[in-house]
C-alpha atoms as a PDB file:
ATOM      1  CA  MET A   1      95.940-214.350 224.345  1.00  0.00           C
ATOM      2  CA  LYS A   2      98.275-213.032 221.789  1.00  0.00           C
ATOM      3  CA  THR A   3      97.274-210.295 219.281  1.00  0.00           C
ATOM      4  CA  VAL A   4      98.678-210.372 215.821  1.00  0.00           C
ATOM      5  CA  LEU A   5      98.859-207.197 213.924  1.00  0.00           C
ATOM      6  CA  PRO A   6      98.009-207.352 210.086  1.00  0.00           C
ATOM      7  CA  PRO A   7     100.737-206.294 207.736  1.00  0.00           C
ATOM      8  CA  ARG A   8     100.899-202.696 206.652  1.00  0.00           C
ATOM      9  CA  PRO A   9      99.289-202.109 203.206  1.00  0.00           C
ATOM     10  CA  ALA A  10     101.668-201.083 200.278  1.00  0.00           C
ATOM     11  CA  SER A  11     101.902-197.333 199.932  1.00  0.00           C
ATOM     12  CA  PRO A  12     100.487-195.613 196.882  1.00  0.00           C
ATOM     13  CA  PHE A  13     103.452-193.246 197.007  1.00  0.00           C
ATOM     14  CA  PRO A  14     106.596-193.752 195.209  1.00  0.00           C
ATOM     15  CA  THR A  15     109.822-194.141 197.109  1.00  0.00           C
ATOM     16  CA  GLY A  16     113.392-193.453 196.570  1.00  0.00           C
ATOM     17  CA  PRO A  17     114.973-190.318 194.880  1.00  0.00           C
ATOM     18  CA  PHE A  18     112.875-188.191 192.632  1.00  0.00           C
ATOM     19  CA  ARG A  19     113.651-187.480 188.963  1.00  0.00           C
ATOM     20  CA  SER A  20     112.203-184.381 187.319  1.00  0.00           C
ATOM     21  CA  GLY A  21     109.788-186.285 184.956  1.00  0.00           C
ATOM     22  CA  PRO A  22     105.996-185.914 185.051  1.00  0.00           C
ATOM     23  CA  ALA A  23     105.495-189.328 186.850  1.00  0.00           C
ATOM     24  CA  ASP A  24     107.384-188.430 190.160  1.00  0.00           C
ATOM     25  CA  TRP A  25     104.525-187.283 192.401  1.00  0.00           C
ATOM     26  CA  PRO A  26     101.255-188.922 193.156  1.00  0.00           C
ATOM     27  CA  ARG A  27      98.562-188.253 190.727  1.00  0.00           C
ATOM     28  CA  PRO A  28      94.859-187.776 191.676  1.00  0.00           C
ATOM     29  CA  PRO A  29      93.170-189.461 193.554  1.00  0.00           C
ATOM     30  CA  SER A  30      96.376-190.129 195.608  1.00  0.00           C
ATOM     31  CA  ALA A  31      97.063-187.227 197.889  1.00  0.00           C
ATOM     32  CA  LEU A  32     100.378-185.413 197.701  1.00  0.00           C
ATOM     33  CA  GLN A  33     101.993-184.571 200.974  1.00  0.00           C
ATOM     34  CA  ALA A  34     102.303-180.809 201.842  1.00  0.00           C
ATOM     35  CA  SER A  35     106.199-181.321 202.055  1.00  0.00           C
ATOM     36  CA  ARG A  36     106.277-182.493 198.561  1.00  0.00           C
ATOM     37  CA  LEU A  37     104.263-179.514 196.792  1.00  0.00           C
ATOM     38  CA  ASP A  38     107.578-178.134 195.485  1.00  0.00           C
ATOM     39  CA  GLN A  39     108.117-181.162 193.190  1.00  0.00           C
ATOM     40  CA  PRO A  40     105.297-180.867 190.555  1.00  0.00           C
ATOM     41  CA  PRO A  41     105.564-178.074 188.012  1.00  0.00           C
ATOM     42  CA  GLU A  42     103.426-174.932 188.120  1.00  0.00           C
ATOM     43  CA  GLY A  43      99.852-175.741 186.848  1.00  0.00           C
ATOM     44  CA  ALA A  44     100.150-179.480 187.597  1.00  0.00           C
ATOM     45  CA  ARG A  45      96.864-181.165 188.698  1.00  0.00           C
ATOM     46  CA  VAL A  46      97.296-182.479 192.287  1.00  0.00           C
ATOM     47  CA  THR A  47      95.219-183.921 195.166  1.00  0.00           C
ATOM     48  CA  VAL A  48      95.942-182.869 198.656  1.00  0.00           C
ATOM     49  CA  ALA A  49      94.330-183.987 201.855  1.00  0.00           C
ATOM     50  CA  GLY A  50      94.451-182.862 205.422  1.00  0.00           C
ATOM     51  CA  LEU A  51      92.632-181.406 208.542  1.00  0.00           C
ATOM     52  CA  VAL A  52      91.073-177.874 207.961  1.00  0.00           C
ATOM     53  CA  ILE A  53      92.932-175.579 210.407  1.00  0.00           C
ATOM     54  CA  LEU A  54      91.721-172.309 208.985  1.00  0.00           C
ATOM     55  CA  ARG A  55      88.849-170.976 206.810  1.00  0.00           C
ATOM     56  CA  GLN A  56      88.964-167.334 205.795  1.00  0.00           C
ATOM     57  CA  ARG A  57      86.335-165.456 203.691  1.00  0.00           C
ATOM     58  CA  PRO A  58      87.553-161.875 203.700  1.00  0.00           C
ATOM     59  CA  GLY A  59      84.909-159.285 202.810  1.00  0.00           C
ATOM     60  CA  THR A  60      87.338-157.842 200.140  1.00  0.00           C
ATOM     61  CA  ALA A  61      87.853-161.061 198.495  1.00  0.00           C
ATOM     62  CA  LYS A  62      84.697-161.052 196.372  1.00  0.00           C
ATOM     63  CA  GLY A  63      83.507-164.566 197.554  1.00  0.00           C
ATOM     64  CA  VAL A  64      86.825-166.208 197.472  1.00  0.00           C
ATOM     65  CA  ILE A  65      87.583-168.654 200.414  1.00  0.00           C
ATOM     66  CA  PHE A  66      90.951-169.435 201.675  1.00  0.00           C
ATOM     67  CA  LEU A  67      91.501-172.728 203.364  1.00  0.00           C
ATOM     68  CA  THR A  68      94.615-174.107 205.204  1.00  0.00           C
ATOM     69  CA  LEU A  69      94.924-177.828 205.398  1.00  0.00           C
ATOM     70  CA  GLU A  70      97.462-179.510 207.558  1.00  0.00           C
ATOM     71  CA  ASP A  71      98.776-183.116 207.089  1.00  0.00           C
ATOM     72  CA  GLU A  72     101.471-185.100 208.905  1.00  0.00           C
ATOM     73  CA  THR A  73     104.152-183.098 206.976  1.00  0.00           C
ATOM     74  CA  GLY A  74     103.057-179.456 206.857  1.00  0.00           C
ATOM     75  CA  VAL A  75     100.235-177.095 205.516  1.00  0.00           C
ATOM     76  CA  VAL A  76      98.698-176.547 202.242  1.00  0.00           C
ATOM     77  CA  ASN A  77      97.089-173.248 201.093  1.00  0.00           C
ATOM     78  CA  VAL A  78      93.819-173.757 199.133  1.00  0.00           C
ATOM     79  CA  ILE A  79      91.979-171.092 197.200  1.00  0.00           C
ATOM     80  CA  VAL A  80      88.211-171.831 196.401  1.00  0.00           C
ATOM     81  CA  TRP A  81      86.594-169.401 193.900  1.00  0.00           C
ATOM     82  CA  ARG A  82      83.081-168.358 194.465  1.00  0.00           C
ATOM     83  CA  ALA A  83      81.502-170.550 191.769  1.00  0.00           C
ATOM     84  CA  LEU A  84      83.253-173.569 193.075  1.00  0.00           C
ATOM     85  CA  TYR A  85      82.269-172.746 196.658  1.00  0.00           C
ATOM     86  CA  GLU A  86      78.659-172.993 195.530  1.00  0.00           C
ATOM     87  CA  ARG A  87      79.156-176.515 194.159  1.00  0.00           C
ATOM     88  CA  PHE A  88      80.984-177.802 197.348  1.00  0.00           C
ATOM     89  CA  ARG A  89      79.572-175.467 199.937  1.00  0.00           C
ATOM     90  CA  ARG A  90      78.744-178.075 202.564  1.00  0.00           C
ATOM     91  CA  ALA A  91      82.217-179.628 202.332  1.00  0.00           C
ATOM     92  CA  VAL A  92      83.990-176.256 202.380  1.00  0.00           C
ATOM     93  CA  ILE A  93      82.004-175.045 205.346  1.00  0.00           C
ATOM     94  CA  ALA A  94      81.574-178.160 207.499  1.00  0.00           C
ATOM     95  CA  GLY A  95      84.382-180.468 206.584  1.00  0.00           C
ATOM     96  CA  ARG A  96      86.899-181.255 209.369  1.00  0.00           C
ATOM     97  CA  MET A  97      89.159-183.216 206.959  1.00  0.00           C
ATOM     98  CA  LEU A  98      89.151-182.432 203.191  1.00  0.00           C
ATOM     99  CA  ARG A  99      90.544-183.893 199.932  1.00  0.00           C
ATOM    100  CA  VAL A 100      91.103-181.193 197.422  1.00  0.00           C
ATOM    101  CA  THR A 101      92.069-181.622 193.711  1.00  0.00           C
ATOM    102  CA  GLY A 102      93.149-178.622 191.742  1.00  0.00           C
ATOM    103  CA  ARG A 103      96.055-176.853 189.999  1.00  0.00           C
ATOM    104  CA  LEU A 104      99.158-175.770 191.618  1.00  0.00           C
ATOM    105  CA  GLN A 105      99.974-172.079 191.509  1.00  0.00           C
ATOM    106  CA  ARG A 106     103.271-170.500 192.680  1.00  0.00           C
ATOM    107  CA  GLU A 107     103.696-166.795 193.464  1.00  0.00           C
ATOM    108  CA  ALA A 108     106.826-165.601 195.139  1.00  0.00           C
ATOM    109  CA  ALA A 109     107.682-168.206 197.747  1.00  0.00           C
ATOM    110  CA  VAL A 110     104.134-169.238 198.226  1.00  0.00           C
ATOM    111  CA  THR A 111     102.311-172.296 196.861  1.00  0.00           C
ATOM    112  CA  HIS A 112      98.528-172.640 196.474  1.00  0.00           C
ATOM    113  CA  VAL A 113      96.234-175.236 195.179  1.00  0.00           C
ATOM    114  CA  ILE A 114      93.448-173.588 193.156  1.00  0.00           C
ATOM    115  CA  ALA A 115      90.555-175.917 193.952  1.00  0.00           C
ATOM    116  CA  GLU A 116      88.683-177.759 191.241  1.00  0.00           C
ATOM    117  CA  GLU A 117      86.956-180.460 193.443  1.00  0.00           C
ATOM    118  CA  VAL A 118      86.535-180.553 197.144  1.00  0.00           C
ATOM    119  CA  GLU A 119      85.501-183.654 199.054  1.00  0.00           C
ATOM    120  CA  ASP A 120      84.650-183.906 202.691  1.00  0.00           C
ATOM    121  CA  ILE A 121      86.530-187.027 204.197  1.00  0.00           C
ATOM    122  CA  SER A 122      85.824-186.221 207.902  1.00  0.00           C
ATOM    123  CA  GLU A 123      84.336-189.803 208.283  1.00  0.00           C
ATOM    124  CA  MET A 124      87.925-191.021 208.015  1.00  0.00           C
ATOM    125  CA  LEU A 125      88.481-189.191 211.303  1.00  0.00           C
ATOM    126  CA  ASP A 126      85.787-191.188 212.888  1.00  0.00           C
ATOM    127  CA  SER A 127      87.343-194.425 211.718  1.00  0.00           C
ATOM    128  CA  LEU A 128      90.591-193.497 213.387  1.00  0.00           C
ATOM    129  CA  LEU A 129      88.716-193.294 216.707  1.00  0.00           C
ATOM    130  CA  ASP A 130      87.138-196.645 215.943  1.00  0.00           C
ATOM    131  CA  VAL A 131      90.716-198.098 215.617  1.00  0.00           C
ATOM    132  CA  THR A 132      91.830-196.471 218.800  1.00  0.00           C
ATOM    133  CA  ASP A 133      88.776-197.868 220.671  1.00  0.00           C
ATOM    134  CA  ARG A 134      89.432-201.401 219.267  1.00  0.00           C
ATOM    135  CA  GLN A 135      93.123-201.130 220.371  1.00  0.00           C
ATOM    136  CA  GLU A 136      92.243-200.074 223.835  1.00  0.00           C
ATOM    137  CA  ASN A 137      90.043-202.975 224.271  1.00  0.00           C
ATOM    138  CA  ALA A 138      92.306-205.501 222.637  1.00  0.00           C
ATOM    139  CA  ALA A 139      94.294-207.889 224.381  1.00  0.00           C
ATOM    140  CA  PRO A 140      97.948-206.605 225.192  1.00  0.00           C
ATOM    141  CA  LEU A 141     100.612-207.465 222.685  1.00  0.00           C
ATOM    142  CA  SER A 142     103.455-209.817 223.892  1.00  0.00           C
ATOM    143  CA  ARG A 143     106.723-210.431 222.464  1.00  0.00           C
ATOM    144  CA  PRO A 144     107.938-213.778 221.663  1.00  0.00           C
ATOM    145  CA  GLY A 145     109.167-215.732 224.588  1.00  0.00           C
ATOM    146  CA  GLU A 146     107.231-213.513 227.090  1.00  0.00           C
ATOM    147  CA  SER A 147     104.584-215.053 229.324  1.00  0.00           C
ATOM    148  CA  ASP A 148     101.411-213.637 230.680  1.00  0.00           C
END
């Protein structure tokens, strides 16, 4: 039995060389890749998404939480202020994968996203496992002209 893979969906991200105009990076709710955080101007509203690889809540930071998210292209530093943390507490503490919308801030050579919204999208990780399980149980793929 031959398994036919569905076509890949079109990407929501623009392709090709980038200009310096305001429409050159994905706008929320599309997530901007970590490697492209240098493209939007300071203060731009962006959405990023990734696996939570670090949570820090230093005692000297007056309730500020620092998150580090990782996507397939790099890492994103996220700052969650105390008031926002209270609104999105469950996602910030328990989320394995987050989508964060906020404003870009650059200081020296470091870029941060100052969070305005935090969404736990960890269930997407579970759907990846489902796809893997289905692929492991699927019939092997064969090339045209090959016989079983």
